[in-house]
Amino acid sequence: MPLIPEEPQIHESAQGPRATAATGRPAQTPRPVPGPRSAASPRPGQPVPGPAKPAAPARRPQPGAVPAPANTTENRSGGSSAPQLQLIPAPVDGALDAAEEALDLLLESGRAPGEVLVITTGDPHPWATHELSFGEAAYWAQQDTGGDVFFAHASALERASSRPVVIVAVNGGEDSLAEALPSAMARAGALLVVCGDPQRVTSLLGAGASV
């Protein structure tokens, strides 16, 4: 009876690649596990993102349209000094866009969101419409919290609290401007920005409004 080798199937040539794969193969980069991509792991070829910052406005603002808050003397003591006035010329259908550009630039320059009140005189701001759909109590509670920009309509200014900066978008409601603009000024502690027709605004607020 012939002798049968104990392991006739194993040859040295078969062991080489297997052993190399186990011990000598260079380590390969593991395949990524599918899932949400965090900010710390950008896509290949993309630059590593820096610190988060507010989004830049989509449209380039008009030169001199928005004041530099650093040059504004704020009335934090509750005195009777009038706020600084800033007028941004804008048509009725572009007043809201101009107001949002002014807001973006103010936030980028260091103004805290909770210091800004945005008022519309025509159609309500989409944010206000959305938040009011959850009820007025929840909507006005966000103003009391004071942690973010608050958007209100001119018809509800009696419930709006004073803030250092008030931005008014004159996007309609011409009949109520004579009351809305002075009321907005009364709620601005340091700066009142009005986006609308220059002649109409200056006739209501006086020649102190700067363009």
C-alpha atoms as a PDB file:
ATOM      1  CA  MET A   1       0.000   0.000   0.000  1.00  0.00           C
ATOM      2  CA  PRO A   2       1.640   3.270  -1.065  1.00  0.00           C
ATOM      3  CA  LEU A   3       2.290   5.978   1.408  1.00  0.00           C
ATOM      4  CA  ILE A   4      -0.008   8.950   1.105  1.00  0.00           C
ATOM      5  CA  PRO A   5       1.492  12.281   2.156  1.00  0.00           C
ATOM      6  CA  GLU A   6      -0.296  13.857   5.022  1.00  0.00           C
ATOM      7  CA  GLU A   7      -0.917  17.129   3.137  1.00  0.00           C
ATOM      8  CA  PRO A   8      -0.484  16.517  -0.564  1.00  0.00           C
ATOM      9  CA  GLN A   9      -2.634  19.526  -1.442  1.00  0.00           C
ATOM     10  CA  ILE A  10      -0.294  22.056   0.158  1.00  0.00           C
ATOM     11  CA  HIS A  11       2.573  23.246  -1.994  1.00  0.00           C
ATOM     12  CA  GLU A  12       5.123  25.854  -1.279  1.00  0.00           C
ATOM     13  CA  SER A  13       3.988  27.922  -4.249  1.00  0.00           C
ATOM     14  CA  ALA A  14       0.420  28.006  -2.894  1.00  0.00           C
ATOM     15  CA  GLN A  15       1.543  29.145   0.528  1.00  0.00           C
ATOM     16  CA  GLY A  16       3.570  32.074  -0.725  1.00  0.00           C
ATOM     17  CA  PRO A  17       0.828  34.438  -1.849  1.00  0.00           C
ATOM     18  CA  ARG A  18      -1.415  33.467   1.039  1.00  0.00           C
ATOM     19  CA  ALA A  19       1.298  34.124   3.553  1.00  0.00           C
ATOM     20  CA  THR A  20       2.224  37.321   1.813  1.00  0.00           C
ATOM     21  CA  ALA A  21      -1.345  38.439   1.939  1.00  0.00           C
ATOM     22  CA  ALA A  22      -1.404  37.722   5.645  1.00  0.00           C
ATOM     23  CA  THR A  23       1.939  39.146   6.658  1.00  0.00           C
ATOM     24  CA  GLY A  24       3.754  40.872   3.838  1.00  0.00           C
ATOM     25  CA  ARG A  25       0.982  42.768   2.029  1.00  0.00           C
ATOM     26  CA  PRO A  26       1.062  46.501   2.600  1.00  0.00           C
ATOM     27  CA  ALA A  27      -1.861  47.727   4.676  1.00  0.00           C
ATOM     28  CA  GLN A  28      -4.572  49.172   2.491  1.00  0.00           C
ATOM     29  CA  THR A  29      -6.836  52.048   3.386  1.00  0.00           C
ATOM     30  CA  PRO A  30     -10.119  50.598   4.676  1.00  0.00           C
ATOM     31  CA  ARG A  31     -13.250  51.387   2.699  1.00  0.00           C
ATOM     32  CA  PRO A  32     -15.284  54.174   4.280  1.00  0.00           C
ATOM     33  CA  VAL A  33     -18.477  53.243   6.011  1.00  0.00           C
ATOM     34  CA  PRO A  34     -21.475  54.925   4.381  1.00  0.00           C
ATOM     35  CA  GLY A  35     -23.071  57.532   6.583  1.00  0.00           C
ATOM     36  CA  PRO A  36     -23.389  61.264   7.150  1.00  0.00           C
ATOM     37  CA  ARG A  37     -20.315  63.280   6.323  1.00  0.00           C
ATOM     38  CA  SER A  38     -19.183  65.542   9.107  1.00  0.00           C
ATOM     39  CA  ALA A  39     -17.492  68.884   8.668  1.00  0.00           C
ATOM     40  CA  ALA A  40     -14.251  67.305   9.893  1.00  0.00           C
ATOM     41  CA  SER A  41     -14.106  64.892   6.938  1.00  0.00           C
ATOM     42  CA  PRO A  42     -14.487  66.863   3.698  1.00  0.00           C
ATOM     43  CA  ARG A  43     -14.785  65.243   0.331  1.00  0.00           C
ATOM     44  CA  PRO A  44     -11.531  64.372  -1.451  1.00  0.00           C
ATOM     45  CA  GLY A  45     -10.087  67.360  -3.222  1.00  0.00           C
ATOM     46  CA  GLN A  46     -12.132  69.826  -1.213  1.00  0.00           C
ATOM     47  CA  PRO A  47     -10.418  72.354   1.090  1.00  0.00           C
ATOM     48  CA  VAL A  48     -10.708  71.845   4.801  1.00  0.00           C
ATOM     49  CA  PRO A  49     -13.428  74.169   6.063  1.00  0.00           C
ATOM     50  CA  GLY A  50     -12.479  76.869   8.503  1.00  0.00           C
ATOM     51  CA  PRO A  51     -14.459  78.114  11.483  1.00  0.00           C
ATOM     52  CA  ALA A  52     -18.154  78.558  10.848  1.00  0.00           C
ATOM     53  CA  LYS A  53     -19.245  82.080   9.977  1.00  0.00           C
ATOM     54  CA  PRO A  54     -22.503  83.708   8.914  1.00  0.00           C
ATOM     55  CA  ALA A  55     -23.460  83.256   5.283  1.00  0.00           C
ATOM     56  CA  ALA A  56     -22.668  86.202   3.040  1.00  0.00           C
ATOM     57  CA  PRO A  57     -25.620  87.996   1.476  1.00  0.00           C
ATOM     58  CA  ALA A  58     -26.630  86.732  -1.967  1.00  0.00           C
ATOM     59  CA  ARG A  59     -26.659  90.209  -3.474  1.00  0.00           C
ATOM     60  CA  ARG A  60     -24.010  92.883  -3.175  1.00  0.00           C
ATOM     61  CA  PRO A  61     -25.386  95.742  -1.081  1.00  0.00           C
ATOM     62  CA  GLN A  62     -25.358  99.285  -2.298  1.00  0.00           C
ATOM     63  CA  PRO A  63     -22.279 101.286  -1.274  1.00  0.00           C
ATOM     64  CA  GLY A  64     -22.803 102.990   2.045  1.00  0.00           C
ATOM     65  CA  ALA A  65     -26.146 101.286   2.550  1.00  0.00           C
ATOM     66  CA  VAL A  66     -25.391  99.723   5.921  1.00  0.00           C
ATOM     67  CA  PRO A  67     -23.675 101.583   8.743  1.00  0.00           C
ATOM     68  CA  ALA A  68     -20.768 100.170  10.682  1.00  0.00           C
ATOM     69  CA  PRO A  69     -22.105  99.292  14.128  1.00  0.00           C
ATOM     70  CA  ALA A  70     -18.699  99.974  15.663  1.00  0.00           C
ATOM     71  CA  ASN A  71     -19.155 103.674  14.941  1.00  0.00           C
ATOM     72  CA  THR A  72     -22.575 103.818  16.580  1.00  0.00           C
ATOM     73  CA  THR A  73     -22.969 105.104  20.124  1.00  0.00           C
ATOM     74  CA  GLU A  74     -25.611 102.935  21.711  1.00  0.00           C
ATOM     75  CA  ASN A  75     -28.183 104.216  24.126  1.00  0.00           C
ATOM     76  CA  ARG A  76     -27.965 101.438  26.712  1.00  0.00           C
ATOM     77  CA  SER A  77     -28.663 103.696  29.672  1.00  0.00           C
ATOM     78  CA  GLY A  78     -32.316 104.192  28.758  1.00  0.00           C
ATOM     79  CA  GLY A  79     -31.824 107.875  27.952  1.00  0.00           C
ATOM     80  CA  SER A  80     -33.925 109.881  25.540  1.00  0.00           C
ATOM     81  CA  SER A  81     -31.308 110.372  22.817  1.00  0.00           C
ATOM     82  CA  ALA A  82     -32.602 109.489  19.357  1.00  0.00           C
ATOM     83  CA  PRO A  83     -31.123 106.495  17.530  1.00  0.00           C
ATOM     84  CA  GLN A  84     -28.948 106.898  14.485  1.00  0.00           C
ATOM     85  CA  LEU A  85     -30.987 106.816  11.267  1.00  0.00           C
ATOM     86  CA  GLN A  86     -29.859 105.003   8.145  1.00  0.00           C
ATOM     87  CA  LEU A  87     -31.889 104.975   4.929  1.00  0.00           C
ATOM     88  CA  ILE A  88     -31.403 102.352   2.229  1.00  0.00           C
ATOM     89  CA  PRO A  89     -33.210 103.265  -1.009  1.00  0.00           C
ATOM     90  CA  ALA A  90     -35.314 100.333  -2.183  1.00  0.00           C
ATOM     91  CA  PRO A  91     -38.530  99.815  -4.164  1.00  0.00           C
ATOM     92  CA  VAL A  92     -41.537  98.233  -2.501  1.00  0.00           C
ATOM     93  CA  ASP A  93     -40.869  94.836  -4.065  1.00  0.00           C
ATOM     94  CA  GLY A  94     -37.184  94.970  -3.108  1.00  0.00           C
ATOM     95  CA  ALA A  95     -37.420  96.384   0.405  1.00  0.00           C
ATOM     96  CA  LEU A  96     -37.439  92.988   2.108  1.00  0.00           C
ATOM     97  CA  ASP A  97     -34.357  91.856   0.197  1.00  0.00           C
ATOM     98  CA  ALA A  98     -32.575  95.072   1.119  1.00  0.00           C
ATOM     99  CA  ALA A  99     -33.508  94.586   4.774  1.00  0.00           C
ATOM    100  CA  GLU A 100     -32.126  91.050   4.782  1.00  0.00           C
ATOM    101  CA  GLU A 101     -28.880  92.250   3.200  1.00  0.00           C
ATOM    102  CA  ALA A 102     -28.560  94.894   5.889  1.00  0.00           C
ATOM    103  CA  LEU A 103     -29.230  92.253   8.530  1.00  0.00           C
ATOM    104  CA  ASP A 104     -26.573  89.935   7.114  1.00  0.00           C
ATOM    105  CA  LEU A 105     -23.942  92.660   7.105  1.00  0.00           C
ATOM    106  CA  LEU A 106     -24.774  93.757  10.634  1.00  0.00           C
ATOM    107  CA  LEU A 107     -24.443  90.195  11.908  1.00  0.00           C
ATOM    108  CA  GLU A 108     -21.181  89.697  10.044  1.00  0.00           C
ATOM    109  CA  SER A 109     -19.787  92.886  11.570  1.00  0.00           C
ATOM    110  CA  GLY A 110     -20.389  91.505  15.067  1.00  0.00           C
ATOM    111  CA  ARG A 111     -23.910  92.538  15.982  1.00  0.00           C
ATOM    112  CA  ALA A 112     -25.592  89.868  18.138  1.00  0.00           C
ATOM    113  CA  PRO A 113     -28.754  88.366  16.586  1.00  0.00           C
ATOM    114  CA  GLY A 114     -30.756  89.009  19.734  1.00  0.00           C
ATOM    115  CA  GLU A 115     -30.130  92.741  19.383  1.00  0.00           C
ATOM    116  CA  VAL A 116     -32.007  93.083  16.079  1.00  0.00           C
ATOM    117  CA  LEU A 117     -35.709  93.535  15.370  1.00  0.00           C
ATOM    118  CA  VAL A 118     -36.885  93.401  11.739  1.00  0.00           C
ATOM    119  CA  ILE A 119     -40.235  95.011  10.906  1.00  0.00           C
ATOM    120  CA  THR A 120     -42.229  94.675   7.697  1.00  0.00           C
ATOM    121  CA  THR A 121     -44.947  97.147   6.740  1.00  0.00           C
ATOM    122  CA  GLY A 122     -46.550  95.139   3.930  1.00  0.00           C
ATOM    123  CA  ASP A 123     -46.557  91.363   3.696  1.00  0.00           C
ATOM    124  CA  PRO A 124     -45.198  89.652   6.830  1.00  0.00           C
ATOM    125  CA  HIS A 125     -41.743  88.149   6.722  1.00  0.00           C
ATOM    126  CA  PRO A 126     -41.877  84.422   5.798  1.00  0.00           C
ATOM    127  CA  TRP A 127     -40.284  83.538   9.152  1.00  0.00           C
ATOM    128  CA  ALA A 128     -43.020  85.350  11.051  1.00  0.00           C
ATOM    129  CA  THR A 129     -45.716  83.658   8.978  1.00  0.00           C
ATOM    130  CA  HIS A 130     -44.215  80.250   9.664  1.00  0.00           C
ATOM    131  CA  GLU A 131     -43.789  80.779  13.391  1.00  0.00           C
ATOM    132  CA  LEU A 132     -47.274  82.214  13.802  1.00  0.00           C
ATOM    133  CA  SER A 133     -48.664  78.989  12.361  1.00  0.00           C
ATOM    134  CA  PHE A 134     -47.709  77.376  15.689  1.00  0.00           C
ATOM    135  CA  GLY A 135     -49.667  79.949  17.662  1.00  0.00           C
ATOM    136  CA  GLU A 136     -49.107  83.484  18.889  1.00  0.00           C
ATOM    137  CA  ALA A 137     -47.960  82.362  22.329  1.00  0.00           C
ATOM    138  CA  ALA A 138     -45.024  80.394  20.914  1.00  0.00           C
ATOM    139  CA  TYR A 139     -44.253  83.171  18.441  1.00  0.00           C
ATOM    140  CA  TRP A 140     -44.018  85.985  21.008  1.00  0.00           C
ATOM    141  CA  ALA A 141     -42.172  83.728  23.450  1.00  0.00           C
ATOM    142  CA  GLN A 142     -39.243  83.757  21.041  1.00  0.00           C
ATOM    143  CA  GLN A 143     -39.080  87.535  21.338  1.00  0.00           C
ATOM    144  CA  ASP A 144     -39.012  87.259  25.126  1.00  0.00           C
ATOM    145  CA  THR A 145     -36.175  84.739  24.924  1.00  0.00           C
ATOM    146  CA  GLY A 146     -34.122  87.297  23.025  1.00  0.00           C
ATOM    147  CA  GLY A 147     -31.631  84.838  21.609  1.00  0.00           C
ATOM    148  CA  ASP A 148     -32.186  85.498  17.919  1.00  0.00           C
ATOM    149  CA  VAL A 149     -33.360  88.044  15.363  1.00  0.00           C
ATOM    150  CA  PHE A 150     -37.081  88.679  15.726  1.00  0.00           C
ATOM    151  CA  PHE A 151     -39.366  89.489  12.797  1.00  0.00           C
ATOM    152  CA  ALA A 152     -42.618  91.350  13.386  1.00  0.00           C
ATOM    153  CA  HIS A 153     -45.265  93.128  11.352  1.00  0.00           C
ATOM    154  CA  ALA A 154     -45.891  96.839  11.765  1.00  0.00           C
ATOM    155  CA  SER A 155     -49.484  96.136  12.821  1.00  0.00           C
ATOM    156  CA  ALA A 156     -48.185  94.335  15.929  1.00  0.00           C
ATOM    157  CA  LEU A 157     -45.580  96.883  17.007  1.00  0.00           C
ATOM    158  CA  GLU A 158     -47.385  97.551  20.270  1.00  0.00           C
ATOM    159  CA  ARG A 159     -46.238  94.087  21.370  1.00  0.00           C
ATOM    160  CA  ALA A 160     -42.710  94.401  20.001  1.00  0.00           C
ATOM    161  CA  SER A 161     -39.968  95.010  22.538  1.00  0.00           C
ATOM    162  CA  SER A 162     -37.218  97.586  22.104  1.00  0.00           C
ATOM    163  CA  ARG A 163     -33.898  96.376  20.754  1.00  0.00           C
ATOM    164  CA  PRO A 164     -30.621  98.159  20.007  1.00  0.00           C
ATOM    165  CA  VAL A 165     -31.151  97.816  16.239  1.00  0.00           C
ATOM    166  CA  VAL A 166     -34.439  97.999  14.341  1.00  0.00           C
ATOM    167  CA  ILE A 167     -34.629  97.362  10.588  1.00  0.00           C
ATOM    168  CA  VAL A 168     -37.790  98.389   8.747  1.00  0.00           C
ATOM    169  CA  ALA A 169     -38.643  96.964   5.329  1.00  0.00           C
ATOM    170  CA  VAL A 170     -41.161  99.313   3.695  1.00  0.00           C
ATOM    171  CA  ASN A 171     -42.647  96.600   1.477  1.00  0.00           C
ATOM    172  CA  GLY A 172     -46.160  98.023   1.396  1.00  0.00           C
ATOM    173  CA  GLY A 173     -48.711  99.422   3.817  1.00  0.00           C
ATOM    174  CA  GLU A 174     -48.216 103.011   2.697  1.00  0.00           C
ATOM    175  CA  ASP A 175     -51.285 104.162   4.598  1.00  0.00           C
ATOM    176  CA  SER A 176     -49.850 103.062   7.931  1.00  0.00           C
ATOM    177  CA  LEU A 177     -46.299 104.353   7.487  1.00  0.00           C
ATOM    178  CA  ALA A 178     -47.002 107.615   9.276  1.00  0.00           C
ATOM    179  CA  GLU A 179     -47.592 105.608  12.440  1.00  0.00           C
ATOM    180  CA  ALA A 180     -45.297 102.634  11.847  1.00  0.00           C
ATOM    181  CA  LEU A 181     -42.045 104.521  11.274  1.00  0.00           C
ATOM    182  CA  PRO A 182     -42.173 106.698  14.423  1.00  0.00           C
ATOM    183  CA  SER A 183     -43.155 103.617  16.409  1.00  0.00           C
ATOM    184  CA  ALA A 184     -40.191 101.720  15.002  1.00  0.00           C
ATOM    185  CA  MET A 185     -37.905 104.609  15.885  1.00  0.00           C
ATOM    186  CA  ALA A 186     -39.164 104.553  19.457  1.00  0.00           C
ATOM    187  CA  ARG A 187     -38.100 100.899  19.737  1.00  0.00           C
ATOM    188  CA  ALA A 188     -34.597 101.389  18.311  1.00  0.00           C
ATOM    189  CA  GLY A 189     -32.072 101.898  21.079  1.00  0.00           C
ATOM    190  CA  ALA A 190     -29.091 102.785  18.901  1.00  0.00           C
ATOM    191  CA  LEU A 191     -29.775 102.336  15.197  1.00  0.00           C
ATOM    192  CA  LEU A 192     -32.817 102.491  12.915  1.00  0.00           C
ATOM    193  CA  VAL A 193     -32.348 101.207   9.362  1.00  0.00           C
ATOM    194  CA  VAL A 194     -35.208 101.895   6.940  1.00  0.00           C
ATOM    195  CA  CYS A 195     -35.335 100.236   3.521  1.00  0.00           C
ATOM    196  CA  GLY A 196     -37.773 102.049   1.253  1.00  0.00           C
ATOM    197  CA  ASP A 197     -38.485 105.097  -0.875  1.00  0.00           C
ATOM    198  CA  PRO A 198     -36.169 107.907   0.291  1.00  0.00           C
ATOM    199  CA  GLN A 199     -38.589 110.767  -0.278  1.00  0.00           C
ATOM    200  CA  ARG A 200     -41.444 109.019   1.492  1.00  0.00           C
ATOM    201  CA  VAL A 201     -39.310 108.010   4.472  1.00  0.00           C
ATOM    202  CA  THR A 202     -37.610 111.368   4.936  1.00  0.00           C
ATOM    203  CA  SER A 203     -40.953 113.143   4.802  1.00  0.00           C
ATOM    204  CA  LEU A 204     -42.104 111.045   7.762  1.00  0.00           C
ATOM    205  CA  LEU A 205     -38.904 110.833   9.774  1.00  0.00           C
ATOM    206  CA  GLY A 206     -37.351 114.175   8.860  1.00  0.00           C
ATOM    207  CA  ALA A 207     -34.145 115.145   7.152  1.00  0.00           C
ATOM    208  CA  GLY A 208     -32.070 113.376   9.804  1.00  0.00           C
ATOM    209  CA  ALA A 209     -32.242 110.128   7.869  1.00  0.00           C
ATOM    210  CA  SER A 210     -28.969 109.508   6.017  1.00  0.00           C
ATOM    211  CA  VAL A 211     -28.709 107.674   2.730  1.00  0.00           C
END
